PDB file of N, CA and C in Angstrom:
ATOM      1  N   PHE A   1      23.067 115.093   5.363  1.00  0.00           N
ATOM      2  CA  PHE A   1      23.073 116.159   4.398  1.00  0.00           C
ATOM      3  C   PHE A   1      24.325 116.083   3.548  1.00  0.00           C
ATOM      4  N   GLU A   2      24.328 116.776   2.460  1.00  0.00           N
ATOM      5  CA  GLU A   2      25.452 116.745   1.528  1.00  0.00           C
ATOM      6  C   GLU A   2      26.297 118.009   1.685  1.00  0.00           C
ATOM      7  N   SER A   3      27.590 117.839   1.626  1.00  0.00           N
ATOM      8  CA  SER A   3      28.497 118.988   1.655  1.00  0.00           C
ATOM      9  C   SER A   3      29.758 118.624   0.881  1.00  0.00           C
ATOM     10  N   THR A   4      30.533 119.635   0.585  1.00  0.00           N
ATOM     11  CA  THR A   4      31.788 119.395  -0.118  1.00  0.00           C
ATOM     12  C   THR A   4      32.845 118.934   0.885  1.00  0.00           C
ATOM     13  N   LEU A   5      33.928 118.428   0.377  1.00  0.00           N
ATOM     14  CA  LEU A   5      35.033 118.015   1.236  1.00  0.00           C
ATOM     15  C   LEU A   5      35.546 119.201   2.041  1.00  0.00           C
ATOM     16  N   THR A   6      35.687 120.343   1.411  1.00  0.00           N
ATOM     17  CA  THR A   6      36.181 121.537   2.097  1.00  0.00           C
ATOM     18  C   THR A   6      35.254 121.930   3.240  1.00  0.00           C
ATOM     19  N   GLU A   7      33.946 121.916   2.991  1.00  0.00           N
ATOM     20  CA  GLU A   7      32.987 122.251   4.045  1.00  0.00           C
ATOM     21  C   GLU A   7      33.068 121.249   5.194  1.00  0.00           C
ATOM     22  N   GLY A   8      33.214 119.987   4.864  1.00  0.00           N
ATOM     23  CA  GLY A   8      33.336 118.951   5.884  1.00  0.00           C
ATOM     24  C   GLY A   8      34.587 119.121   6.729  1.00  0.00           C
ATOM     25  N   LEU A   9      35.691 119.460   6.095  1.00  0.00           N
ATOM     26  CA  LEU A   9      36.939 119.667   6.834  1.00  0.00           C
ATOM     27  C   LEU A   9      36.859 120.889   7.738  1.00  0.00           C
ATOM     28  N   LEU A  10      36.230 121.950   7.263  1.00  0.00           N
ATOM     29  CA  LEU A  10      36.057 123.146   8.098  1.00  0.00           C
ATOM     30  C   LEU A  10      35.179 122.836   9.311  1.00  0.00           C
ATOM     31  N   TYR A  11      34.125 122.061   9.099  1.00  0.00           N
ATOM     32  CA  TYR A  11      33.243 121.660  10.194  1.00  0.00           C
ATOM     33  C   TYR A  11      34.009 120.812  11.210  1.00  0.00           C
ATOM     34  N   GLU A  12      34.780 119.857  10.718  1.00  0.00           N
ATOM     35  CA  GLU A  12      35.575 119.005  11.603  1.00  0.00           C
ATOM     36  C   GLU A  12      36.569 119.838  12.402  1.00  0.00           C
ATOM     37  N   ARG A  13      37.195 120.808  11.774  1.00  0.00           N
ATOM     38  CA  ARG A  13      38.164 121.667  12.460  1.00  0.00           C
ATOM     39  C   ARG A  13      37.499 122.442  13.592  1.00  0.00           C
ATOM     40  N   ARG A  14      36.293 122.976  13.328  1.00  0.00           N
ATOM     41  CA  ARG A  14      35.582 123.723  14.375  1.00  0.00           C
ATOM     42  C   ARG A  14      35.271 122.821  15.568  1.00  0.00           C
ATOM     43  N   LEU A  15      34.805 121.611  15.298  1.00  0.00           N
ATOM     44  CA  LEU A  15      34.493 120.689  16.391  1.00  0.00           C
ATOM     45  C   LEU A  15      35.750 120.271  17.145  1.00  0.00           C
ATOM     46  N   PHE A  16      36.839 120.039  16.435  1.00  0.00           N
ATOM     47  CA  PHE A  16      38.102 119.649  17.055  1.00  0.00           C
ATOM     48  C   PHE A  16      38.593 120.747  17.991  1.00  0.00           C
ATOM     49  N   HIS A  17      38.559 121.995  17.520  1.00  0.00           N
ATOM     50  CA  HIS A  17      39.015 123.112  18.350  1.00  0.00           C
ATOM     51  C   HIS A  17      38.119 123.298  19.571  1.00  0.00           C
ATOM     52  N   SER A  18      36.822 123.128  19.407  1.00  0.00           N
ATOM     53  CA  SER A  18      35.920 123.311  20.545  1.00  0.00           C
ATOM     54  C   SER A  18      36.122 122.228  21.598  1.00  0.00           C
ATOM     55  N   SER A  19      36.552 121.040  21.197  1.00  0.00           N
ATOM     56  CA  SER A  19      36.776 119.974  22.171  1.00  0.00           C
ATOM     57  C   SER A  19      37.997 120.252  23.046  1.00  0.00           C
ATOM     58  N   PHE A  20      38.888 121.104  22.609  1.00  0.00           N
ATOM     59  CA  PHE A  20      40.062 121.446  23.396  1.00  0.00           C
ATOM     60  C   PHE A  20      39.811 122.612  24.334  1.00  0.00           C
ATOM     61  N   ALA A  21      38.585 123.105  24.385  1.00  0.00           N
ATOM     62  CA  ALA A  21      38.243 124.218  25.259  1.00  0.00           C
ATOM     63  C   ALA A  21      37.447 123.729  26.468  1.00  0.00           C
ATOM     64  N   THR A  22      37.623 122.473  26.853  1.00  0.00           N
ATOM     65  CA  THR A  22      36.852 121.926  27.965  1.00  0.00           C
ATOM     66  C   THR A  22      37.741 121.669  29.177  1.00  0.00           C
ATOM     67  N   ASP A  23      37.117 121.670  30.353  1.00  0.00           N
ATOM     68  CA  ASP A  23      37.846 121.347  31.579  1.00  0.00           C
ATOM     69  C   ASP A  23      38.376 119.916  31.546  1.00  0.00           C
ATOM     70  N   ASP A  24      37.576 118.995  30.988  1.00  0.00           N
ATOM     71  CA  ASP A  24      38.015 117.602  30.917  1.00  0.00           C
ATOM     72  C   ASP A  24      39.254 117.440  30.047  1.00  0.00           C
ATOM     73  N   GLN A  25      39.361 118.211  28.994  1.00  0.00           N
ATOM     74  CA  GLN A  25      40.546 118.119  28.137  1.00  0.00           C
ATOM     75  C   GLN A  25      41.766 118.574  28.916  1.00  0.00           C
ATOM     76  N   SER A  26      41.648 119.684  29.631  1.00  0.00           N
ATOM     77  CA  SER A  26      42.771 120.182  30.431  1.00  0.00           C
ATOM     78  C   SER A  26      43.167 119.165  31.498  1.00  0.00           C
ATOM     79  N   GLU A  27      42.177 118.586  32.162  1.00  0.00           N
ATOM     80  CA  GLU A  27      42.448 117.575  33.184  1.00  0.00           C
ATOM     81  C   GLU A  27      43.098 116.340  32.573  1.00  0.00           C
ATOM     82  N   GLY A  28      42.626 115.919  31.424  1.00  0.00           N
ATOM     83  CA  GLY A  28      43.204 114.752  30.762  1.00  0.00           C
ATOM     84  C   GLY A  28      44.662 114.960  30.400  1.00  0.00           C
ATOM     85  N   MET A  29      44.981 116.121  29.866  1.00  0.00           N
ATOM     86  CA  MET A  29      46.373 116.413  29.510  1.00  0.00           C
ATOM     87  C   MET A  29      47.248 116.508  30.761  1.00  0.00           C
ATOM     88  N   ALA A  30      46.747 117.151  31.814  1.00  0.00           N
ATOM     89  CA  ALA A  30      47.516 117.262  33.054  1.00  0.00           C
ATOM     90  C   ALA A  30      47.751 115.878  33.658  1.00  0.00           C
ATOM     91  N   ALA A  31      46.715 115.054  33.699  1.00  0.00           N
ATOM     92  CA  ALA A  31      46.854 113.710  34.255  1.00  0.00           C
ATOM     93  C   ALA A  31      47.854 112.884  33.450  1.00  0.00           C
ATOM     94  N   PHE A  32      47.816 113.020  32.147  1.00  0.00           N
ATOM     95  CA  PHE A  32      48.750 112.274  31.295  1.00  0.00           C
ATOM     96  C   PHE A  32      50.192 112.683  31.583  1.00  0.00           C
ATOM     97  N   THR A  33      50.459 113.992  31.637  1.00  0.00           N
ATOM     98  CA  THR A  33      51.839 114.442  31.856  1.00  0.00           C
ATOM     99  C   THR A  33      52.311 114.148  33.274  1.00  0.00           C
ATOM    100  N   GLU A  34      51.374 114.109  34.232  1.00  0.00           N
ATOM    101  CA  GLU A  34      51.729 113.805  35.619  1.00  0.00           C
ATOM    102  C   GLU A  34      51.658 112.307  35.924  1.00  0.00           C
ATOM    103  N   LYS A  35      51.306 111.511  34.913  1.00  0.00           N
ATOM    104  CA  LYS A  35      51.228 110.048  35.026  1.00  0.00           C
ATOM    105  C   LYS A  35      50.335 109.621  36.189  1.00  0.00           C
ATOM    106  N   ARG A  36      49.118 110.170  36.176  1.00  0.00           N
ATOM    107  CA  ARG A  36      48.135 109.835  37.197  1.00  0.00           C
ATOM    108  C   ARG A  36      46.780 109.634  36.532  1.00  0.00           C
ATOM    109  N   PRO A  37      45.857 108.966  37.221  1.00  0.00           N
ATOM    110  CA  PRO A  37      44.510 108.827  36.651  1.00  0.00           C
ATOM    111  C   PRO A  37      43.825 110.190  36.559  1.00  0.00           C
ATOM    112  N   ALA A  38      43.060 110.376  35.535  1.00  0.00           N
ATOM    113  CA  ALA A  38      42.335 111.637  35.358  1.00  0.00           C
ATOM    114  C   ALA A  38      41.076 111.648  36.217  1.00  0.00           C
ATOM    115  N   ASN A  39      40.718 112.820  36.694  1.00  0.00           N
ATOM    116  CA  ASN A  39      39.486 113.011  37.461  1.00  0.00           C
ATOM    117  C   ASN A  39      38.550 113.880  36.625  1.00  0.00           C
ATOM    118  N   PHE A  40      37.803 113.253  35.725  1.00  0.00           N
ATOM    119  CA  PHE A  40      36.940 113.981  34.804  1.00  0.00           C
ATOM    120  C   PHE A  40      35.668 114.464  35.491  1.00  0.00           C
ATOM    121  N   THR A  41      35.240 115.668  35.156  1.00  0.00           N
ATOM    122  CA  THR A  41      34.022 116.257  35.719  1.00  0.00           C
ATOM    123  C   THR A  41      32.913 116.356  34.681  1.00  0.00           C
ATOM    124  N   HIS A  42      33.176 115.894  33.471  1.00  0.00           N
ATOM    125  CA  HIS A  42      32.213 115.942  32.357  1.00  0.00           C
ATOM    126  C   HIS A  42      31.837 117.371  31.998  1.00  0.00           C
ATOM    127  N   ARG A  43      32.828 118.256  32.061  1.00  0.00           N
ATOM    128  CA  ARG A  43      32.631 119.659  31.676  1.00  0.00           C
ATOM    129  C   ARG A  43      33.644 120.044  30.646  1.00  0.00           C
TER     130      ARG A  43
END
């Protein structure tokens, strides 16, 4: 579909923010700071 650049950026921002609301994101960040392998649950 067609959209303007502004609409596309707003859509990308919404998806980016929603990806940071997952358990896997929290686990990934914790594993990175603790220098250990991540145990992802796909949630």
